[in-house]
Amino acid sequence: MAKPKHKSMRNQPEMYDELKKVCTVSVTPTAIKNLDFHAKKSGISRSELIERFARSLNQLPEQPPTQTKH
């Protein structure tokens, strides 16, 4: 999905029907290298790669949550 050809406007969604929110994640240097490689290969940002991955999770069959003993 290429970027729209219009000027970005603050507080207006661009590629999706909702605004993005800032989210900080911690990953290993290896994960960063992999994200950067695949983002560059796809011509998208690291953030957009993560967005697409997270949205693709809706395509997977639901798994019941695993229970952990405390």
PDB file of N, CA and C in Angstrom:
ATOM      1  N   MET A   1       0.849  -1.164   0.000  1.00  0.00           N
ATOM      2  CA  MET A   1       0.000   0.000   0.000  1.00  0.00           C
ATOM      3  C   MET A   1       0.899   1.233   0.000  1.00  0.00           C
ATOM      4  N   ALA A   2       0.866   1.989  -1.033  1.00  0.00           N
ATOM      5  CA  ALA A   2       1.708   3.175  -1.153  1.00  0.00           C
ATOM      6  C   ALA A   2       1.099   4.337  -0.379  1.00  0.00           C
ATOM      7  N   LYS A   3       1.941   5.298  -0.049  1.00  0.00           N
ATOM      8  CA  LYS A   3       1.452   6.485   0.639  1.00  0.00           C
ATOM      9  C   LYS A   3       0.508   7.272  -0.256  1.00  0.00           C
ATOM     10  N   PRO A   4      -0.499   7.889   0.340  1.00  0.00           N
ATOM     11  CA  PRO A   4      -1.395   8.714  -0.472  1.00  0.00           C
ATOM     12  C   PRO A   4      -0.638   9.887  -1.099  1.00  0.00           C
ATOM     13  N   LYS A   5      -1.151  10.389  -2.206  1.00  0.00           N
ATOM     14  CA  LYS A   5      -0.482  11.473  -2.923  1.00  0.00           C
ATOM     15  C   LYS A   5      -0.965  12.855  -2.477  1.00  0.00           C
ATOM     16  N   HIS A   6      -1.489  12.948  -1.284  1.00  0.00           N
ATOM     17  CA  HIS A   6      -1.939  14.245  -0.785  1.00  0.00           C
ATOM     18  C   HIS A   6      -1.158  14.608   0.472  1.00  0.00           C
ATOM     19  N   LYS A   7      -1.245  15.850   0.866  1.00  0.00           N
ATOM     20  CA  LYS A   7      -0.506  16.348   2.018  1.00  0.00           C
ATOM     21  C   LYS A   7      -1.086  15.772   3.303  1.00  0.00           C
ATOM     22  N   SER A   8      -0.208  15.331   4.198  1.00  0.00           N
ATOM     23  CA  SER A   8      -0.660  14.827   5.489  1.00  0.00           C
ATOM     24  C   SER A   8      -1.245  15.958   6.306  1.00  0.00           C
ATOM     25  N   MET A   9      -2.313  15.641   7.003  1.00  0.00           N
ATOM     26  CA  MET A   9      -2.943  16.633   7.871  1.00  0.00           C
ATOM     27  C   MET A   9      -2.980  16.082   9.284  1.00  0.00           C
ATOM     28  N   ARG A  10      -2.603  16.924  10.227  1.00  0.00           N
ATOM     29  CA  ARG A  10      -2.571  16.525  11.626  1.00  0.00           C
ATOM     30  C   ARG A  10      -3.956  16.050  12.075  1.00  0.00           C
ATOM     31  N   ASN A  11      -3.960  14.972  12.852  1.00  0.00           N
ATOM     32  CA  ASN A  11      -5.185  14.389  13.404  1.00  0.00           C
ATOM     33  C   ASN A  11      -6.157  13.890  12.350  1.00  0.00           C
ATOM     34  N   GLN A  12      -5.640  13.554  11.168  1.00  0.00           N
ATOM     35  CA  GLN A  12      -6.462  12.977  10.101  1.00  0.00           C
ATOM     36  C   GLN A  12      -5.822  11.655   9.679  1.00  0.00           C
ATOM     37  N   PRO A  13      -6.593  10.573   9.682  1.00  0.00           N
ATOM     38  CA  PRO A  13      -6.015   9.296   9.251  1.00  0.00           C
ATOM     39  C   PRO A  13      -5.570   9.360   7.800  1.00  0.00           C
ATOM     40  N   GLU A  14      -4.495   8.648   7.474  1.00  0.00           N
ATOM     41  CA  GLU A  14      -3.986   8.640   6.103  1.00  0.00           C
ATOM     42  C   GLU A  14      -4.317   7.342   5.393  1.00  0.00           C
ATOM     43  N   MET A  15      -3.788   6.245   5.870  1.00  0.00           N
ATOM     44  CA  MET A  15      -3.917   4.981   5.149  1.00  0.00           C
ATOM     45  C   MET A  15      -4.992   4.065   5.729  1.00  0.00           C
ATOM     46  N   TYR A  16      -5.416   4.327   6.931  1.00  0.00           N
ATOM     47  CA  TYR A  16      -6.387   3.484   7.600  1.00  0.00           C
ATOM     48  C   TYR A  16      -7.535   4.371   8.077  1.00  0.00           C
ATOM     49  N   ASP A  17      -8.586   3.757   8.575  1.00  0.00           N
ATOM     50  CA  ASP A  17      -9.755   4.527   8.990  1.00  0.00           C
ATOM     51  C   ASP A  17      -9.654   5.035  10.426  1.00  0.00           C
ATOM     52  N   GLU A  18      -8.469   4.998  10.989  1.00  0.00           N
ATOM     53  CA  GLU A  18      -8.269   5.476  12.350  1.00  0.00           C
ATOM     54  C   GLU A  18      -6.876   6.081  12.475  1.00  0.00           C
ATOM     55  N   LEU A  19      -6.712   6.931  13.480  1.00  0.00           N
ATOM     56  CA  LEU A  19      -5.412   7.552  13.726  1.00  0.00           C
ATOM     57  C   LEU A  19      -4.469   6.558  14.375  1.00  0.00           C
ATOM     58  N   LYS A  20      -3.199   6.710  14.099  1.00  0.00           N
ATOM     59  CA  LYS A  20      -2.189   5.898  14.763  1.00  0.00           C
ATOM     60  C   LYS A  20      -1.841   6.527  16.100  1.00  0.00           C
ATOM     61  N   LYS A  21      -1.419   5.701  17.050  1.00  0.00           N
ATOM     62  CA  LYS A  21      -0.965   6.161  18.357  1.00  0.00           C
ATOM     63  C   LYS A  21       0.489   5.745  18.527  1.00  0.00           C
ATOM     64  N   VAL A  22       1.218   6.527  19.275  1.00  0.00           N
ATOM     65  CA  VAL A  22       2.611   6.204  19.561  1.00  0.00           C
ATOM     66  C   VAL A  22       2.649   5.014  20.511  1.00  0.00           C
ATOM     67  N   CYS A  23       3.519   4.059  20.205  1.00  0.00           N
ATOM     68  CA  CYS A  23       3.674   2.862  21.029  1.00  0.00           C
ATOM     69  C   CYS A  23       5.166   2.530  21.057  1.00  0.00           C
ATOM     70  N   THR A  24       5.702   2.345  22.227  1.00  0.00           N
ATOM     71  CA  THR A  24       7.113   2.013  22.343  1.00  0.00           C
ATOM     72  C   THR A  24       7.258   0.530  22.624  1.00  0.00           C
ATOM     73  N   VAL A  25       8.106  -0.132  21.865  1.00  0.00           N
ATOM     74  CA  VAL A  25       8.388  -1.547  22.094  1.00  0.00           C
ATOM     75  C   VAL A  25       9.890  -1.724  22.232  1.00  0.00           C
ATOM     76  N   SER A  26      10.273  -2.764  22.934  1.00  0.00           N
ATOM     77  CA  SER A  26      11.692  -3.088  23.083  1.00  0.00           C
ATOM     78  C   SER A  26      11.952  -4.413  22.392  1.00  0.00           C
ATOM     79  N   VAL A  27      12.910  -4.406  21.484  1.00  0.00           N
ATOM     80  CA  VAL A  27      13.287  -5.612  20.756  1.00  0.00           C
ATOM     81  C   VAL A  27      14.803  -5.691  20.689  1.00  0.00           C
ATOM     82  N   THR A  28      15.288  -6.859  20.362  1.00  0.00           N
ATOM     83  CA  THR A  28      16.736  -7.068  20.275  1.00  0.00           C
ATOM     84  C   THR A  28      17.298  -6.419  19.011  1.00  0.00           C
ATOM     85  N   PRO A  29      18.598  -6.186  18.985  1.00  0.00           N
ATOM     86  CA  PRO A  29      19.217  -5.666  17.768  1.00  0.00           C
ATOM     87  C   PRO A  29      18.967  -6.554  16.546  1.00  0.00           C
ATOM     88  N   THR A  30      18.906  -7.874  16.751  1.00  0.00           N
ATOM     89  CA  THR A  30      18.627  -8.782  15.644  1.00  0.00           C
ATOM     90  C   THR A  30      17.229  -8.525  15.084  1.00  0.00           C
ATOM     91  N   ALA A  31      16.244  -8.335  15.957  1.00  0.00           N
ATOM     92  CA  ALA A  31      14.881  -8.054  15.506  1.00  0.00           C
ATOM     93  C   ALA A  31      14.830  -6.734  14.744  1.00  0.00           C
ATOM     94  N   ILE A  32      15.567  -5.739  15.209  1.00  0.00           N
ATOM     95  CA  ILE A  32      15.599  -4.442  14.518  1.00  0.00           C
ATOM     96  C   ILE A  32      16.183  -4.617  13.117  1.00  0.00           C
ATOM     97  N   LYS A  33      17.267  -5.371  13.010  1.00  0.00           N
ATOM     98  CA  LYS A  33      17.868  -5.619  11.689  1.00  0.00           C
ATOM     99  C   LYS A  33      16.872  -6.305  10.761  1.00  0.00           C
ATOM    100  N   ASN A  34      16.146  -7.297  11.287  1.00  0.00           N
ATOM    101  CA  ASN A  34      15.155  -8.006  10.477  1.00  0.00           C
ATOM    102  C   ASN A  34      14.016  -7.088  10.063  1.00  0.00           C
ATOM    103  N   LEU A  35      13.529  -6.277  10.990  1.00  0.00           N
ATOM    104  CA  LEU A  35      12.461  -5.318  10.656  1.00  0.00           C
ATOM    105  C   LEU A  35      12.939  -4.353   9.583  1.00  0.00           C
ATOM    106  N   ASP A  36      14.139  -3.808   9.772  1.00  0.00           N
ATOM    107  CA  ASP A  36      14.670  -2.853   8.802  1.00  0.00           C
ATOM    108  C   ASP A  36      14.866  -3.488   7.423  1.00  0.00           C
ATOM    109  N   PHE A  37      15.361  -4.712   7.395  1.00  0.00           N
ATOM    110  CA  PHE A  37      15.578  -5.398   6.123  1.00  0.00           C
ATOM    111  C   PHE A  37      14.264  -5.583   5.371  1.00  0.00           C
ATOM    112  N   HIS A  38      13.261  -6.114   6.066  1.00  0.00           N
ATOM    113  CA  HIS A  38      11.982  -6.396   5.403  1.00  0.00           C
ATOM    114  C   HIS A  38      11.215  -5.120   5.073  1.00  0.00           C
ATOM    115  N   ALA A  39      11.352  -4.100   5.905  1.00  0.00           N
ATOM    116  CA  ALA A  39      10.700  -2.820   5.599  1.00  0.00           C
ATOM    117  C   ALA A  39      11.316  -2.203   4.348  1.00  0.00           C
ATOM    118  N   LYS A  40      12.640  -2.195   4.277  1.00  0.00           N
ATOM    119  CA  LYS A  40      13.314  -1.630   3.106  1.00  0.00           C
ATOM    120  C   LYS A  40      12.975  -2.421   1.850  1.00  0.00           C
ATOM    121  N   LYS A  41      12.975  -3.743   1.955  1.00  0.00           N
ATOM    122  CA  LYS A  41      12.650  -4.625   0.830  1.00  0.00           C
ATOM    123  C   LYS A  41      11.234  -4.349   0.314  1.00  0.00           C
ATOM    124  N   SER A  42      10.316  -4.008   1.228  1.00  0.00           N
ATOM    125  CA  SER A  42       8.925  -3.740   0.857  1.00  0.00           C
ATOM    126  C   SER A  42       8.669  -2.274   0.522  1.00  0.00           C
ATOM    127  N   GLY A  43       9.683  -1.421   0.757  1.00  0.00           N
ATOM    128  CA  GLY A  43       9.533   0.003   0.469  1.00  0.00           C
ATOM    129  C   GLY A  43       8.614   0.724   1.443  1.00  0.00           C
ATOM    130  N   ILE A  44       8.594   0.249   2.690  1.00  0.00           N
ATOM    131  CA  ILE A  44       7.748   0.858   3.719  1.00  0.00           C
ATOM    132  C   ILE A  44       8.587   1.133   4.965  1.00  0.00           C
ATOM    133  N   SER A  45       8.009   1.846   5.904  1.00  0.00           N
ATOM    134  CA  SER A  45       8.717   2.135   7.149  1.00  0.00           C
ATOM    135  C   SER A  45       8.641   0.937   8.097  1.00  0.00           C
ATOM    136  N   ARG A  46       9.494   0.940   9.077  1.00  0.00           N
ATOM    137  CA  ARG A  46       9.473  -0.084  10.120  1.00  0.00           C
ATOM    138  C   ARG A  46       8.104  -0.079  10.809  1.00  0.00           C
ATOM    139  N   SER A  47       7.598   1.100  11.079  1.00  0.00           N
ATOM    140  CA  SER A  47       6.294   1.236  11.727  1.00  0.00           C
ATOM    141  C   SER A  47       5.181   0.625  10.882  1.00  0.00           C
ATOM    142  N   GLU A  48       5.207   0.872   9.580  1.00  0.00           N
ATOM    143  CA  GLU A  48       4.178   0.321   8.696  1.00  0.00           C
ATOM    144  C   GLU A  48       4.304  -1.196   8.598  1.00  0.00           C
ATOM    145  N   LEU A  49       5.521  -1.723   8.629  1.00  0.00           N
ATOM    146  CA  LEU A  49       5.714  -3.170   8.619  1.00  0.00           C
ATOM    147  C   LEU A  49       5.055  -3.800   9.846  1.00  0.00           C
ATOM    148  N   ILE A  50       5.260  -3.194  11.002  1.00  0.00           N
ATOM    149  CA  ILE A  50       4.657  -3.697  12.237  1.00  0.00           C
ATOM    150  C   ILE A  50       3.136  -3.562  12.167  1.00  0.00           C
ATOM    151  N   GLU A  51       2.644  -2.447  11.635  1.00  0.00           N
ATOM    152  CA  GLU A  51       1.197  -2.238  11.462  1.00  0.00           C
ATOM    153  C   GLU A  51       0.595  -3.358  10.620  1.00  0.00           C
ATOM    154  N   ARG A  52       1.208  -3.656   9.503  1.00  0.00           N
ATOM    155  CA  ARG A  52       0.679  -4.688   8.607  1.00  0.00           C
ATOM    156  C   ARG A  52       0.723  -6.063   9.264  1.00  0.00           C
ATOM    157  N   PHE A  53       1.809  -6.341   9.983  1.00  0.00           N
ATOM    158  CA  PHE A  53       1.901  -7.618  10.685  1.00  0.00           C
ATOM    159  C   PHE A  53       0.788  -7.732  11.723  1.00  0.00           C
ATOM    160  N   ALA A  54       0.616  -6.704  12.530  1.00  0.00           N
ATOM    161  CA  ALA A  54      -0.396  -6.743  13.580  1.00  0.00           C
ATOM    162  C   ALA A  54      -1.802  -6.879  12.992  1.00  0.00           C
ATOM    163  N   ARG A  55      -2.077  -6.191  11.897  1.00  0.00           N
ATOM    164  CA  ARG A  55      -3.391  -6.303  11.252  1.00  0.00           C
ATOM    165  C   ARG A  55      -3.589  -7.687  10.644  1.00  0.00           C
ATOM    166  N   SER A  56      -2.513  -8.332  10.216  1.00  0.00           N
ATOM    167  CA  SER A  56      -2.640  -9.671   9.631  1.00  0.00           C
ATOM    168  C   SER A  56      -3.010 -10.714  10.680  1.00  0.00           C
ATOM    169  N   LEU A  57      -2.810 -10.409  11.936  1.00  0.00           N
ATOM    170  CA  LEU A  57      -3.144 -11.358  12.993  1.00  0.00           C
ATOM    171  C   LEU A  57      -4.644 -11.643  13.032  1.00  0.00           C
ATOM    172  N   ASN A  58      -5.465 -10.713  12.552  1.00  0.00           N
ATOM    173  CA  ASN A  58      -6.906 -10.944  12.485  1.00  0.00           C
ATOM    174  C   ASN A  58      -7.249 -12.045  11.499  1.00  0.00           C
ATOM    175  N   GLN A  59      -6.336 -12.367  10.592  1.00  0.00           N
ATOM    176  CA  GLN A  59      -6.565 -13.397   9.589  1.00  0.00           C
ATOM    177  C   GLN A  59      -6.337 -14.803  10.150  1.00  0.00           C
ATOM    178  N   LEU A  60      -5.651 -14.887  11.287  1.00  0.00           N
ATOM    179  CA  LEU A  60      -5.319 -16.189  11.870  1.00  0.00           C
ATOM    180  C   LEU A  60      -6.501 -16.740  12.657  1.00  0.00           C
ATOM    181  N   PRO A  61      -6.620 -18.065  12.751  1.00  0.00           N
ATOM    182  CA  PRO A  61      -7.680 -18.633  13.589  1.00  0.00           C
ATOM    183  C   PRO A  61      -7.426 -18.273  15.048  1.00  0.00           C
ATOM    184  N   GLU A  62      -8.492 -18.012  15.764  1.00  0.00           N
ATOM    185  CA  GLU A  62      -8.338 -17.626  17.173  1.00  0.00           C
ATOM    186  C   GLU A  62      -7.875 -18.813  17.995  1.00  0.00           C
ATOM    187  N   GLN A  63      -6.980 -18.546  18.906  1.00  0.00           N
ATOM    188  CA  GLN A  63      -6.493 -19.543  19.832  1.00  0.00           C
ATOM    189  C   GLN A  63      -6.987 -19.163  21.227  1.00  0.00           C
ATOM    190  N   PRO A  64      -7.431 -20.122  22.014  1.00  0.00           N
ATOM    191  CA  PRO A  64      -7.823 -19.765  23.377  1.00  0.00           C
ATOM    192  C   PRO A  64      -6.603 -19.299  24.158  1.00  0.00           C
ATOM    193  N   PRO A  65      -6.775 -18.311  25.033  1.00  0.00           N
ATOM    194  CA  PRO A  65      -5.622 -17.847  25.818  1.00  0.00           C
ATOM    195  C   PRO A  65      -5.098 -18.973  26.714  1.00  0.00           C
ATOM    196  N   THR A  66      -3.786 -19.036  26.843  1.00  0.00           N
ATOM    197  CA  THR A  66      -3.200 -20.037  27.721  1.00  0.00           C
ATOM    198  C   THR A  66      -3.269 -19.533  29.156  1.00  0.00           C
ATOM    199  N   GLN A  67      -3.528 -20.433  30.067  1.00  0.00           N
ATOM    200  CA  GLN A  67      -3.609 -20.053  31.474  1.00  0.00           C
ATOM    201  C   GLN A  67      -2.290 -20.363  32.136  1.00  0.00           C
ATOM    202  N   THR A  68      -1.841 -19.407  32.931  1.00  0.00           N
ATOM    203  CA  THR A  68      -0.603 -19.614  33.676  1.00  0.00           C
ATOM    204  C   THR A  68      -0.939 -19.681  35.152  1.00  0.00           C
ATOM    205  N   LYS A  69      -0.249 -20.524  35.872  1.00  0.00           N
ATOM    206  CA  LYS A  69      -0.451 -20.616  37.318  1.00  0.00           C
ATOM    207  C   LYS A  69       0.420 -19.593  37.997  1.00  0.00           C
ATOM    208  N   HIS A  70      -0.130 -18.928  38.956  1.00  0.00           N
ATOM    209  CA  HIS A  70       0.610 -17.881  39.669  1.00  0.00           C
ATOM    210  C   HIS A  70       1.180 -18.401  40.938  1.00  0.00           C
TER     211      HIS A  70
END
